[in-house]
Amino acid sequence: MKNILNKLVNGRDNRLSGLIALAVVLSIALGCNCTKDFDLNNSNSSSNSSSGDPFASNSSSSNSSSTSRAGESKPNASKGAMPTDGELQYLVRETMLGFNDALQKEDFSDFHSGISKQWQKQITPEAMKSSFQSFIDGQADFGEIKSMTADIEDKTTRKEAGFNVLDVKGKYDTSPIDTTFDLSYIAEGSDWKLFKIKVYTGVKNR
């Protein structure tokens, strides 16, 4: 392990050289539509971190509607119940691939159109892009998750400000750095809509 970390820091391993771990948290406060309650925090981790992040699709991948796999389906949020494992895999992959697609295009318009109405009132596509500019500049790309199964580490449903809320945390075994996620959704009709995302992934060191 010590040798691996030394190679990462000193850039002597072709698999890891030039990579750093980067995390960004983007979320809103539920129950208020005023922009002053918008919460945005940025933090960089040290170069010897072995964790990773984002959500996404490779610029060469097809539309997110074609990313579902056998045993997976879109969850119904109308009752606020915990989705099945297959439904969670579908939901997380769609979110992550949509995010990655926005990074590759350097355009968050499509991604913004799919988040919760509450969040849309508090942030623009341009502000989203600005928040994740460090990912774009670092050429983050985890489109490989399209063929992967996420390791779901925590999942809960709860009530907040009158909303049914779903929280999902986990990671994808991407190389050379894992891509981790911390996502929160609110029920809008029959759909779970994103209102918080925490991403942690490897990017190229500038």
N, C-alpha and C. Protein backbone atom coordinates (compact mmCIF):
# COMPACT_ATOMS: atom_id res chain seq x y z
N MET A 1 0.83 -1.20 0.00
CA MET A 1 0.00 0.00 0.00
C MET A 1 0.86 1.25 0.00
N LYS A 2 1.93 1.24 0.82
CA LYS A 2 2.83 2.39 0.89
C LYS A 2 3.45 2.68 -0.47
N ASN A 3 3.85 1.61 -1.17
CA ASN A 3 4.45 1.79 -2.50
C ASN A 3 3.46 2.39 -3.48
N ILE A 4 2.20 1.95 -3.40
CA ILE A 4 1.16 2.47 -4.29
C ILE A 4 0.96 3.96 -4.05
N LEU A 5 0.90 4.36 -2.77
CA LEU A 5 0.71 5.76 -2.45
C LEU A 5 1.90 6.61 -2.89
N ASN A 6 3.11 6.06 -2.72
CA ASN A 6 4.30 6.78 -3.17
C ASN A 6 4.27 7.01 -4.66
N LYS A 7 3.83 5.98 -5.41
CA LYS A 7 3.75 6.11 -6.86
C LYS A 7 2.71 7.14 -7.25
N LEU A 8 1.60 7.17 -6.51
CA LEU A 8 0.55 8.14 -6.81
C LEU A 8 1.05 9.56 -6.61
N VAL A 9 1.71 9.80 -5.47
CA VAL A 9 2.17 11.15 -5.14
C VAL A 9 3.30 11.58 -6.05
N ASN A 10 4.23 10.68 -6.33
CA ASN A 10 5.42 11.04 -7.10
C ASN A 10 5.27 10.87 -8.60
N GLY A 11 4.12 10.32 -9.03
CA GLY A 11 3.84 10.22 -10.46
C GLY A 11 4.67 9.18 -11.17
N ARG A 12 4.98 8.06 -10.50
CA ARG A 12 5.80 7.04 -11.14
C ARG A 12 4.97 5.83 -11.58
N ASP A 13 3.68 5.94 -11.53
CA ASP A 13 2.83 4.85 -11.97
C ASP A 13 1.91 5.38 -13.04
N ASN A 14 1.98 4.80 -14.26
CA ASN A 14 1.20 5.32 -15.39
C ASN A 14 -0.30 5.26 -15.14
N ARG A 15 -0.75 4.31 -14.30
CA ARG A 15 -2.18 4.20 -14.04
C ARG A 15 -2.69 5.34 -13.17
N LEU A 16 -1.83 5.86 -12.29
CA LEU A 16 -2.29 6.82 -11.32
C LEU A 16 -1.69 8.21 -11.48
N SER A 17 -0.62 8.34 -12.25
CA SER A 17 0.05 9.63 -12.34
C SER A 17 -0.89 10.69 -12.88
N GLY A 18 -0.78 11.88 -12.29
CA GLY A 18 -1.58 13.00 -12.74
C GLY A 18 -3.00 13.00 -12.24
N LEU A 19 -3.34 12.10 -11.31
CA LEU A 19 -4.70 12.06 -10.79
C LEU A 19 -4.75 12.59 -9.37
N ILE A 20 -5.80 13.34 -9.07
CA ILE A 20 -6.08 13.72 -7.70
C ILE A 20 -7.54 13.41 -7.45
N ALA A 21 -7.91 13.30 -6.20
CA ALA A 21 -9.31 13.07 -5.86
C ALA A 21 -9.98 14.41 -5.63
N LEU A 22 -11.20 14.55 -6.09
CA LEU A 22 -11.89 15.83 -6.00
C LEU A 22 -13.33 15.59 -5.59
N ALA A 23 -13.79 16.41 -4.68
CA ALA A 23 -15.18 16.27 -4.21
C ALA A 23 -15.90 17.60 -4.29
N VAL A 24 -17.18 17.55 -4.65
CA VAL A 24 -18.03 18.74 -4.66
C VAL A 24 -19.39 18.35 -4.12
N VAL A 25 -19.94 19.19 -3.25
CA VAL A 25 -21.28 18.96 -2.74
C VAL A 25 -22.19 20.06 -3.28
N LEU A 26 -23.31 19.66 -3.81
CA LEU A 26 -24.27 20.61 -4.36
C LEU A 26 -25.65 20.21 -3.86
N SER A 27 -26.36 21.14 -3.21
CA SER A 27 -27.66 20.77 -2.65
C SER A 27 -28.51 22.01 -2.42
N ILE A 28 -29.77 21.78 -2.01
CA ILE A 28 -30.66 22.87 -1.63
C ILE A 28 -31.24 22.58 -0.26
N ALA A 29 -31.80 23.62 0.34
CA ALA A 29 -32.56 23.44 1.57
C ALA A 29 -34.02 23.27 1.18
N LEU A 30 -34.64 22.19 1.61
CA LEU A 30 -36.03 21.96 1.26
C LEU A 30 -36.95 22.91 2.01
N GLY A 31 -38.09 23.20 1.39
CA GLY A 31 -39.10 23.99 2.06
C GLY A 31 -38.94 25.49 1.88
N CYS A 32 -37.94 25.92 1.10
CA CYS A 32 -37.75 27.35 0.85
C CYS A 32 -37.29 27.55 -0.57
N ASN A 33 -37.87 28.50 -1.27
CA ASN A 33 -37.52 28.75 -2.66
C ASN A 33 -36.56 29.93 -2.82
N CYS A 34 -36.12 30.50 -1.69
CA CYS A 34 -35.25 31.67 -1.80
C CYS A 34 -33.80 31.27 -2.01
N THR A 35 -33.11 32.02 -2.87
CA THR A 35 -31.76 31.66 -3.24
C THR A 35 -30.79 31.74 -2.08
N LYS A 36 -31.09 32.50 -1.04
CA LYS A 36 -30.16 32.62 0.08
C LYS A 36 -30.00 31.29 0.82
N ASP A 37 -30.95 30.38 0.63
CA ASP A 37 -30.86 29.09 1.30
C ASP A 37 -30.17 28.04 0.44
N PHE A 38 -29.69 28.45 -0.72
CA PHE A 38 -28.93 27.53 -1.56
C PHE A 38 -27.59 27.25 -0.90
N ASP A 39 -27.23 25.98 -0.78
CA ASP A 39 -26.02 25.58 -0.08
C ASP A 39 -25.04 24.97 -1.06
N LEU A 40 -23.85 25.55 -1.16
CA LEU A 40 -22.84 25.04 -2.07
C LEU A 40 -21.50 25.05 -1.39
N ASN A 41 -20.85 23.87 -1.32
CA ASN A 41 -19.54 23.77 -0.69
C ASN A 41 -18.61 23.03 -1.61
N ASN A 42 -17.37 23.50 -1.72
CA ASN A 42 -16.36 22.85 -2.54
C ASN A 42 -15.19 22.48 -1.66
N SER A 43 -14.60 21.28 -1.90
CA SER A 43 -13.40 20.91 -1.16
C SER A 43 -12.56 19.97 -2.00
N ASN A 44 -11.22 20.14 -1.94
CA ASN A 44 -10.29 19.26 -2.62
C ASN A 44 -9.65 18.32 -1.62
N SER A 45 -9.52 17.06 -1.94
CA SER A 45 -8.86 16.13 -1.05
C SER A 45 -7.40 16.04 -1.45
N SER A 46 -6.60 15.42 -0.60
CA SER A 46 -5.18 15.29 -0.89
C SER A 46 -4.95 14.29 -2.00
N SER A 47 -3.78 14.33 -2.62
CA SER A 47 -3.51 13.51 -3.79
C SER A 47 -3.36 12.04 -3.47
N ASN A 48 -3.25 11.67 -2.19
CA ASN A 48 -3.09 10.26 -1.88
C ASN A 48 -4.41 9.59 -1.52
N SER A 49 -5.51 10.28 -1.80
CA SER A 49 -6.81 9.67 -1.55
C SER A 49 -7.07 8.57 -2.56
N SER A 50 -7.85 7.57 -2.14
CA SER A 50 -8.14 6.46 -3.05
C SER A 50 -9.63 6.35 -3.32
N SER A 51 -10.35 7.44 -3.08
CA SER A 51 -11.79 7.43 -3.33
C SER A 51 -12.13 8.26 -4.54
N GLY A 52 -13.30 8.03 -5.11
CA GLY A 52 -13.69 8.75 -6.28
C GLY A 52 -15.15 9.05 -6.36
N ASP A 53 -15.58 9.73 -7.48
CA ASP A 53 -16.95 10.20 -7.51
C ASP A 53 -17.75 10.27 -8.79
N PRO A 54 -18.46 11.22 -9.20
CA PRO A 54 -19.54 11.71 -10.02
C PRO A 54 -20.65 10.90 -10.70
N PHE A 55 -21.49 11.62 -11.37
CA PHE A 55 -22.52 10.91 -12.06
C PHE A 55 -22.55 11.18 -13.53
N ALA A 56 -23.01 10.25 -14.32
CA ALA A 56 -22.60 10.31 -15.61
C ALA A 56 -22.69 9.55 -16.86
N SER A 57 -22.43 10.13 -17.93
CA SER A 57 -22.37 9.32 -19.11
C SER A 57 -21.26 9.77 -19.98
N ASN A 58 -20.63 8.82 -20.55
CA ASN A 58 -19.54 9.05 -21.49
C ASN A 58 -20.10 9.78 -22.70
N SER A 59 -19.32 10.69 -23.24
CA SER A 59 -19.81 11.47 -24.36
C SER A 59 -20.15 10.61 -25.57
N SER A 60 -19.60 9.41 -25.61
CA SER A 60 -19.88 8.53 -26.74
C SER A 60 -21.01 7.56 -26.44
N SER A 61 -21.53 7.60 -25.20
CA SER A 61 -22.59 6.66 -24.84
C SER A 61 -23.93 7.15 -25.36
N SER A 62 -24.91 6.25 -25.39
CA SER A 62 -26.22 6.59 -25.92
C SER A 62 -27.06 7.26 -24.86
N ASN A 63 -28.30 7.60 -25.20
CA ASN A 63 -29.19 8.27 -24.28
C ASN A 63 -29.39 7.46 -23.03
N SER A 64 -29.66 8.17 -21.89
CA SER A 64 -29.78 7.50 -20.61
C SER A 64 -30.91 6.48 -20.60
N SER A 65 -31.92 6.63 -21.45
CA SER A 65 -33.04 5.70 -21.47
C SER A 65 -32.61 4.30 -21.88
N SER A 66 -31.43 4.16 -22.45
CA SER A 66 -30.97 2.85 -22.89
C SER A 66 -29.97 2.22 -21.94
N THR A 67 -29.81 2.81 -20.74
CA THR A 67 -28.79 2.33 -19.82
C THR A 67 -29.28 1.29 -18.82
N SER A 68 -30.58 1.01 -18.77
CA SER A 68 -31.08 0.03 -17.82
C SER A 68 -30.61 -1.36 -18.19
N ARG A 69 -30.47 -2.20 -17.16
CA ARG A 69 -30.00 -3.56 -17.35
C ARG A 69 -31.05 -4.54 -16.86
N ALA A 70 -30.83 -5.82 -17.13
CA ALA A 70 -31.79 -6.85 -16.72
C ALA A 70 -32.06 -6.77 -15.22
N GLY A 71 -33.32 -6.82 -14.85
CA GLY A 71 -33.70 -6.77 -13.44
C GLY A 71 -33.82 -5.37 -12.89
N GLU A 72 -33.59 -4.36 -13.73
CA GLU A 72 -33.67 -2.98 -13.29
C GLU A 72 -34.85 -2.27 -13.94
N SER A 73 -35.43 -1.32 -13.22
CA SER A 73 -36.54 -0.54 -13.77
C SER A 73 -36.66 0.77 -13.02
N LYS A 74 -37.37 1.71 -13.62
CA LYS A 74 -37.57 3.01 -13.01
C LYS A 74 -38.48 2.87 -11.79
N PRO A 75 -38.07 3.43 -10.64
CA PRO A 75 -38.91 3.32 -9.43
C PRO A 75 -40.10 4.26 -9.47
N ASN A 76 -41.18 3.88 -8.78
CA ASN A 76 -42.36 4.73 -8.64
C ASN A 76 -42.32 5.37 -7.26
N ALA A 77 -42.28 6.69 -7.24
CA ALA A 77 -42.11 7.42 -5.97
C ALA A 77 -43.42 7.86 -5.35
N SER A 78 -44.55 7.50 -5.94
CA SER A 78 -45.83 8.05 -5.52
C SER A 78 -46.16 7.76 -4.05
N LYS A 79 -45.67 6.63 -3.51
CA LYS A 79 -45.96 6.30 -2.11
C LYS A 79 -44.76 6.56 -1.19
N GLY A 80 -43.66 6.99 -1.77
CA GLY A 80 -42.50 7.30 -0.96
C GLY A 80 -41.80 6.08 -0.37
N ALA A 81 -42.12 4.90 -0.88
CA ALA A 81 -41.54 3.67 -0.35
C ALA A 81 -40.12 3.47 -0.88
N MET A 82 -39.34 2.67 -0.14
CA MET A 82 -37.98 2.37 -0.57
C MET A 82 -38.00 1.58 -1.88
N PRO A 83 -37.31 2.06 -2.91
CA PRO A 83 -37.24 1.31 -4.17
C PRO A 83 -36.53 -0.03 -3.98
N THR A 84 -36.79 -0.96 -4.87
CA THR A 84 -36.09 -2.24 -4.83
C THR A 84 -34.63 -2.03 -5.23
N ASP A 85 -33.81 -3.07 -5.03
CA ASP A 85 -32.39 -2.96 -5.40
C ASP A 85 -32.23 -2.64 -6.88
N GLY A 86 -33.02 -3.31 -7.73
CA GLY A 86 -32.95 -3.05 -9.17
C GLY A 86 -33.36 -1.63 -9.52
N GLU A 87 -34.36 -1.11 -8.81
CA GLU A 87 -34.81 0.26 -9.05
C GLU A 87 -33.78 1.28 -8.59
N LEU A 88 -33.10 0.98 -7.46
CA LEU A 88 -32.04 1.88 -6.99
C LEU A 88 -30.88 1.92 -7.99
N GLN A 89 -30.51 0.76 -8.53
CA GLN A 89 -29.43 0.71 -9.51
C GLN A 89 -29.79 1.56 -10.72
N TYR A 90 -31.02 1.44 -11.18
CA TYR A 90 -31.48 2.22 -12.34
C TYR A 90 -31.42 3.72 -12.03
N LEU A 91 -31.95 4.11 -10.88
CA LEU A 91 -32.02 5.53 -10.52
C LEU A 91 -30.63 6.15 -10.39
N VAL A 92 -29.75 5.47 -9.66
CA VAL A 92 -28.40 6.00 -9.45
C VAL A 92 -27.63 6.08 -10.77
N ARG A 93 -27.73 5.04 -11.60
CA ARG A 93 -26.99 5.04 -12.86
C ARG A 93 -27.49 6.17 -13.77
N GLU A 94 -28.81 6.37 -13.83
CA GLU A 94 -29.34 7.45 -14.66
C GLU A 94 -28.81 8.80 -14.19
N THR A 95 -28.77 9.00 -12.88
CA THR A 95 -28.27 10.27 -12.34
C THR A 95 -26.81 10.46 -12.67
N MET A 96 -26.01 9.43 -12.39
CA MET A 96 -24.57 9.54 -12.58
C MET A 96 -24.19 9.68 -14.06
N LEU A 97 -24.86 8.94 -14.92
CA LEU A 97 -24.57 9.05 -16.35
C LEU A 97 -25.03 10.40 -16.90
N GLY A 98 -26.13 10.90 -16.39
CA GLY A 98 -26.60 12.22 -16.81
C GLY A 98 -25.62 13.30 -16.40
N PHE A 99 -25.06 13.17 -15.20
CA PHE A 99 -24.08 14.13 -14.71
C PHE A 99 -22.80 14.06 -15.54
N ASN A 100 -22.33 12.86 -15.80
CA ASN A 100 -21.11 12.70 -16.58
C ASN A 100 -21.28 13.26 -18.00
N ASP A 101 -22.47 13.06 -18.55
CA ASP A 101 -22.76 13.58 -19.88
C ASP A 101 -22.67 15.11 -19.89
N ALA A 102 -23.17 15.73 -18.82
CA ALA A 102 -23.09 17.18 -18.70
C ALA A 102 -21.64 17.64 -18.62
N LEU A 103 -20.80 16.88 -17.91
CA LEU A 103 -19.39 17.21 -17.81
C LEU A 103 -18.70 17.12 -19.17
N GLN A 104 -19.01 16.06 -19.92
CA GLN A 104 -18.36 15.88 -21.22
C GLN A 104 -18.79 16.95 -22.21
N LYS A 105 -20.06 17.35 -22.16
CA LYS A 105 -20.57 18.37 -23.07
C LYS A 105 -20.26 19.79 -22.58
N GLU A 106 -19.87 19.89 -21.30
CA GLU A 106 -19.67 21.19 -20.66
C GLU A 106 -20.95 22.02 -20.76
N ASP A 107 -22.07 21.34 -20.57
CA ASP A 107 -23.38 21.96 -20.68
C ASP A 107 -24.34 21.21 -19.75
N PHE A 108 -24.89 21.90 -18.75
CA PHE A 108 -25.75 21.27 -17.76
C PHE A 108 -27.25 21.50 -18.03
N SER A 109 -27.58 21.94 -19.21
CA SER A 109 -28.99 22.23 -19.53
C SER A 109 -29.88 21.00 -19.39
N ASP A 110 -29.48 19.89 -20.00
CA ASP A 110 -30.29 18.67 -19.93
C ASP A 110 -30.33 18.13 -18.51
N PHE A 111 -29.21 18.14 -17.82
CA PHE A 111 -29.17 17.63 -16.45
C PHE A 111 -30.06 18.48 -15.55
N HIS A 112 -30.01 19.78 -15.71
CA HIS A 112 -30.82 20.70 -14.92
C HIS A 112 -32.30 20.44 -15.13
N SER A 113 -32.70 20.10 -16.35
CA SER A 113 -34.11 19.88 -16.64
C SER A 113 -34.67 18.65 -15.93
N GLY A 114 -33.79 17.78 -15.44
CA GLY A 114 -34.25 16.56 -14.78
C GLY A 114 -34.22 16.60 -13.27
N ILE A 115 -33.71 17.69 -12.67
CA ILE A 115 -33.66 17.77 -11.20
C ILE A 115 -35.01 18.24 -10.67
N SER A 116 -35.15 18.26 -9.34
CA SER A 116 -36.42 18.63 -8.73
C SER A 116 -36.81 20.07 -9.05
N LYS A 117 -38.10 20.33 -9.07
CA LYS A 117 -38.58 21.69 -9.33
C LYS A 117 -38.10 22.65 -8.26
N GLN A 118 -38.00 22.15 -7.02
CA GLN A 118 -37.50 22.97 -5.93
C GLN A 118 -36.09 23.47 -6.23
N TRP A 119 -35.27 22.57 -6.73
CA TRP A 119 -33.86 22.92 -7.00
C TRP A 119 -33.76 23.81 -8.24
N GLN A 120 -34.59 23.54 -9.24
CA GLN A 120 -34.56 24.35 -10.46
C GLN A 120 -34.82 25.82 -10.17
N LYS A 121 -35.62 26.09 -9.12
CA LYS A 121 -35.93 27.48 -8.76
C LYS A 121 -34.74 28.18 -8.12
N GLN A 122 -33.76 27.39 -7.67
CA GLN A 122 -32.66 27.97 -6.90
C GLN A 122 -31.31 27.97 -7.63
N ILE A 123 -31.24 27.31 -8.77
CA ILE A 123 -29.96 27.25 -9.47
C ILE A 123 -30.19 27.17 -10.98
N THR A 124 -29.30 27.76 -11.74
CA THR A 124 -29.37 27.73 -13.20
C THR A 124 -28.39 26.69 -13.74
N PRO A 125 -28.56 26.26 -14.99
CA PRO A 125 -27.58 25.35 -15.59
C PRO A 125 -26.17 25.95 -15.58
N GLU A 126 -26.08 27.26 -15.79
CA GLU A 126 -24.78 27.92 -15.81
C GLU A 126 -24.11 27.89 -14.44
N ALA A 127 -24.91 28.04 -13.38
CA ALA A 127 -24.36 27.98 -12.03
C ALA A 127 -23.90 26.57 -11.70
N MET A 128 -24.64 25.58 -12.18
CA MET A 128 -24.22 24.18 -11.98
C MET A 128 -22.88 23.93 -12.66
N LYS A 129 -22.75 24.38 -13.88
CA LYS A 129 -21.50 24.20 -14.60
C LYS A 129 -20.35 24.85 -13.84
N SER A 130 -20.57 26.05 -13.35
CA SER A 130 -19.54 26.76 -12.61
C SER A 130 -19.13 25.99 -11.37
N SER A 131 -20.12 25.38 -10.69
CA SER A 131 -19.84 24.64 -9.48
C SER A 131 -18.95 23.42 -9.74
N PHE A 132 -19.12 22.82 -10.90
CA PHE A 132 -18.36 21.62 -11.24
C PHE A 132 -17.27 21.89 -12.27
N GLN A 133 -16.86 23.15 -12.41
CA GLN A 133 -15.85 23.49 -13.40
C GLN A 133 -14.54 22.75 -13.15
N SER A 134 -14.23 22.48 -11.88
CA SER A 134 -12.99 21.77 -11.56
C SER A 134 -13.01 20.35 -12.11
N PHE A 135 -14.18 19.75 -12.21
CA PHE A 135 -14.30 18.42 -12.82
C PHE A 135 -14.07 18.52 -14.33
N ILE A 136 -14.64 19.55 -14.93
CA ILE A 136 -14.48 19.75 -16.36
C ILE A 136 -13.01 20.01 -16.70
N ASP A 137 -12.40 20.92 -15.95
CA ASP A 137 -11.00 21.25 -16.18
C ASP A 137 -10.10 20.04 -15.97
N GLY A 138 -10.47 19.18 -15.02
CA GLY A 138 -9.68 17.98 -14.73
C GLY A 138 -10.03 16.79 -15.60
N GLN A 139 -10.92 16.99 -16.58
CA GLN A 139 -11.30 15.95 -17.54
C GLN A 139 -11.85 14.69 -16.85
N ALA A 140 -12.64 14.90 -15.81
CA ALA A 140 -13.28 13.77 -15.14
C ALA A 140 -14.22 13.06 -16.11
N ASP A 141 -14.17 11.75 -16.14
CA ASP A 141 -15.01 10.97 -17.04
C ASP A 141 -15.16 9.56 -16.47
N PHE A 142 -16.35 9.25 -16.00
CA PHE A 142 -16.60 7.93 -15.43
C PHE A 142 -17.73 7.23 -16.18
N GLY A 143 -17.75 7.44 -17.50
CA GLY A 143 -18.77 6.81 -18.34
C GLY A 143 -18.74 5.31 -18.30
N GLU A 144 -17.64 4.73 -17.82
CA GLU A 144 -17.52 3.27 -17.73
C GLU A 144 -18.54 2.66 -16.78
N ILE A 145 -19.16 3.47 -15.90
CA ILE A 145 -20.12 2.91 -14.95
C ILE A 145 -21.38 2.40 -15.65
N LYS A 146 -21.53 2.74 -16.92
CA LYS A 146 -22.72 2.30 -17.66
C LYS A 146 -22.89 0.79 -17.61
N SER A 147 -21.78 0.06 -17.57
CA SER A 147 -21.85 -1.40 -17.55
C SER A 147 -21.60 -1.98 -16.16
N MET A 148 -21.61 -1.12 -15.13
CA MET A 148 -21.29 -1.56 -13.77
C MET A 148 -22.52 -1.60 -12.87
N THR A 149 -22.38 -2.36 -11.78
CA THR A 149 -23.38 -2.38 -10.72
C THR A 149 -22.82 -1.58 -9.55
N ALA A 150 -23.58 -0.64 -9.05
CA ALA A 150 -23.12 0.19 -7.94
C ALA A 150 -23.12 -0.62 -6.64
N ASP A 151 -22.15 -0.31 -5.78
CA ASP A 151 -22.11 -0.85 -4.43
C ASP A 151 -22.89 0.12 -3.55
N ILE A 152 -24.16 -0.19 -3.26
CA ILE A 152 -25.00 0.68 -2.43
C ILE A 152 -24.64 0.45 -0.97
N GLU A 153 -24.10 1.48 -0.32
CA GLU A 153 -23.62 1.35 1.06
C GLU A 153 -24.66 1.80 2.08
N ASP A 154 -25.57 2.68 1.68
CA ASP A 154 -26.59 3.16 2.61
C ASP A 154 -27.79 3.66 1.81
N LYS A 155 -28.98 3.38 2.32
CA LYS A 155 -30.21 3.83 1.65
C LYS A 155 -31.27 4.06 2.72
N THR A 156 -31.95 5.19 2.66
CA THR A 156 -33.00 5.50 3.63
C THR A 156 -34.11 6.30 2.96
N THR A 157 -35.31 6.18 3.51
CA THR A 157 -36.41 7.06 3.12
C THR A 157 -36.85 7.80 4.38
N ARG A 158 -37.27 9.05 4.21
CA ARG A 158 -37.65 9.87 5.36
C ARG A 158 -38.57 11.00 4.89
N LYS A 159 -39.07 11.73 5.85
CA LYS A 159 -39.89 12.92 5.59
C LYS A 159 -39.09 14.16 5.95
N GLU A 160 -39.13 15.16 5.09
CA GLU A 160 -38.48 16.43 5.39
C GLU A 160 -39.29 17.56 4.77
N ALA A 161 -39.71 18.51 5.60
CA ALA A 161 -40.48 19.67 5.13
C ALA A 161 -41.69 19.26 4.30
N GLY A 162 -42.30 18.14 4.68
CA GLY A 162 -43.49 17.67 3.98
C GLY A 162 -43.21 16.86 2.73
N PHE A 163 -41.94 16.63 2.40
CA PHE A 163 -41.56 15.86 1.22
C PHE A 163 -41.15 14.44 1.61
N ASN A 164 -41.46 13.48 0.74
CA ASN A 164 -40.86 12.15 0.85
C ASN A 164 -39.46 12.23 0.27
N VAL A 165 -38.47 11.82 1.04
CA VAL A 165 -37.07 11.94 0.64
C VAL A 165 -36.40 10.57 0.59
N LEU A 166 -35.58 10.37 -0.43
CA LEU A 166 -34.79 9.16 -0.58
C LEU A 166 -33.32 9.53 -0.61
N ASP A 167 -32.53 8.94 0.29
CA ASP A 167 -31.08 9.16 0.34
C ASP A 167 -30.37 7.87 -0.07
N VAL A 168 -29.39 7.99 -0.95
CA VAL A 168 -28.63 6.83 -1.43
C VAL A 168 -27.15 7.16 -1.46
N LYS A 169 -26.34 6.30 -0.84
CA LYS A 169 -24.88 6.49 -0.84
C LYS A 169 -24.22 5.20 -1.33
N GLY A 170 -23.12 5.35 -2.04
CA GLY A 170 -22.40 4.17 -2.51
C GLY A 170 -21.25 4.53 -3.41
N LYS A 171 -20.81 3.56 -4.20
CA LYS A 171 -19.66 3.81 -5.08
C LYS A 171 -19.68 2.87 -6.27
N TYR A 172 -18.93 3.24 -7.28
CA TYR A 172 -18.65 2.40 -8.43
C TYR A 172 -17.15 2.08 -8.42
N ASP A 173 -16.83 0.85 -8.78
CA ASP A 173 -15.44 0.39 -8.76
C ASP A 173 -14.73 0.81 -10.04
N THR A 174 -14.56 2.12 -10.22
CA THR A 174 -13.87 2.64 -11.40
C THR A 174 -12.37 2.64 -11.15
N SER A 175 -11.61 2.66 -12.21
CA SER A 175 -10.15 2.59 -12.11
C SER A 175 -9.51 3.86 -12.64
N PRO A 176 -8.47 4.35 -11.98
CA PRO A 176 -7.79 3.80 -10.81
C PRO A 176 -8.38 4.28 -9.49
N ILE A 177 -9.37 5.17 -9.53
CA ILE A 177 -9.98 5.72 -8.32
C ILE A 177 -11.47 5.44 -8.34
N ASP A 178 -12.00 4.95 -7.22
CA ASP A 178 -13.44 4.70 -7.13
C ASP A 178 -14.23 5.99 -7.37
N THR A 179 -15.42 5.82 -7.91
CA THR A 179 -16.34 6.94 -8.06
C THR A 179 -17.44 6.78 -7.00
N THR A 180 -17.49 7.70 -6.04
CA THR A 180 -18.46 7.60 -4.96
C THR A 180 -19.55 8.64 -5.12
N PHE A 181 -20.70 8.35 -4.53
CA PHE A 181 -21.84 9.27 -4.66
C PHE A 181 -22.64 9.31 -3.36
N ASP A 182 -23.24 10.45 -3.12
CA ASP A 182 -24.15 10.69 -2.00
C ASP A 182 -25.28 11.51 -2.59
N LEU A 183 -26.41 10.86 -2.86
CA LEU A 183 -27.51 11.48 -3.61
C LEU A 183 -28.77 11.54 -2.76
N SER A 184 -29.54 12.60 -2.92
CA SER A 184 -30.84 12.72 -2.27
C SER A 184 -31.89 13.12 -3.30
N TYR A 185 -33.05 12.50 -3.19
CA TYR A 185 -34.16 12.74 -4.11
C TYR A 185 -35.43 13.07 -3.33
N ILE A 186 -36.33 13.83 -3.94
CA ILE A 186 -37.66 14.04 -3.38
C ILE A 186 -38.69 13.50 -4.36
N ALA A 187 -39.81 13.06 -3.81
CA ALA A 187 -40.87 12.51 -4.65
C ALA A 187 -41.68 13.66 -5.26
N GLU A 188 -41.76 13.66 -6.59
CA GLU A 188 -42.60 14.60 -7.31
C GLU A 188 -43.50 13.77 -8.22
N GLY A 189 -44.74 13.60 -7.78
CA GLY A 189 -45.62 12.68 -8.49
C GLY A 189 -45.09 11.27 -8.37
N SER A 190 -44.90 10.61 -9.49
CA SER A 190 -44.39 9.23 -9.48
C SER A 190 -42.88 9.16 -9.65
N ASP A 191 -42.22 10.31 -9.72
CA ASP A 191 -40.78 10.34 -9.98
C ASP A 191 -39.97 10.76 -8.76
N TRP A 192 -38.79 10.15 -8.61
CA TRP A 192 -37.81 10.62 -7.64
C TRP A 192 -36.93 11.64 -8.35
N LYS A 193 -36.90 12.88 -7.84
CA LYS A 193 -36.16 13.96 -8.48
C LYS A 193 -34.99 14.41 -7.58
N LEU A 194 -33.85 14.56 -8.19
CA LEU A 194 -32.63 14.91 -7.47
C LEU A 194 -32.69 16.31 -6.85
N PHE A 195 -32.25 16.43 -5.58
CA PHE A 195 -32.09 17.75 -4.98
C PHE A 195 -30.77 17.89 -4.22
N LYS A 196 -29.97 16.83 -4.18
CA LYS A 196 -28.64 16.94 -3.57
C LYS A 196 -27.71 15.93 -4.24
N ILE A 197 -26.48 16.37 -4.47
CA ILE A 197 -25.47 15.46 -5.01
C ILE A 197 -24.12 15.75 -4.40
N LYS A 198 -23.46 14.73 -3.94
CA LYS A 198 -22.07 14.84 -3.50
C LYS A 198 -21.27 13.87 -4.35
N VAL A 199 -20.29 14.38 -5.04
CA VAL A 199 -19.50 13.56 -5.94
C VAL A 199 -18.03 13.58 -5.53
N TYR A 200 -17.36 12.47 -5.73
CA TYR A 200 -15.95 12.33 -5.33
C TYR A 200 -15.28 11.42 -6.35
N THR A 201 -14.29 11.98 -7.09
CA THR A 201 -13.71 11.19 -8.16
C THR A 201 -12.31 11.65 -8.50
N GLY A 202 -11.65 10.91 -9.34
CA GLY A 202 -10.31 11.29 -9.78
C GLY A 202 -10.36 12.21 -10.98
N VAL A 203 -9.51 13.24 -10.96
CA VAL A 203 -9.37 14.13 -12.10
C VAL A 203 -7.89 14.32 -12.37
N LYS A 204 -7.57 14.79 -13.55
CA LYS A 204 -6.17 15.02 -13.89
C LYS A 204 -5.64 16.23 -13.16
N ASN A 205 -4.46 16.09 -12.62
CA ASN A 205 -3.83 17.17 -11.89
C ASN A 205 -3.26 18.18 -12.87
N ARG A 206 -3.73 19.42 -12.77
CA ARG A 206 -3.30 20.45 -13.72
C ARG A 206 -1.94 21.02 -13.32
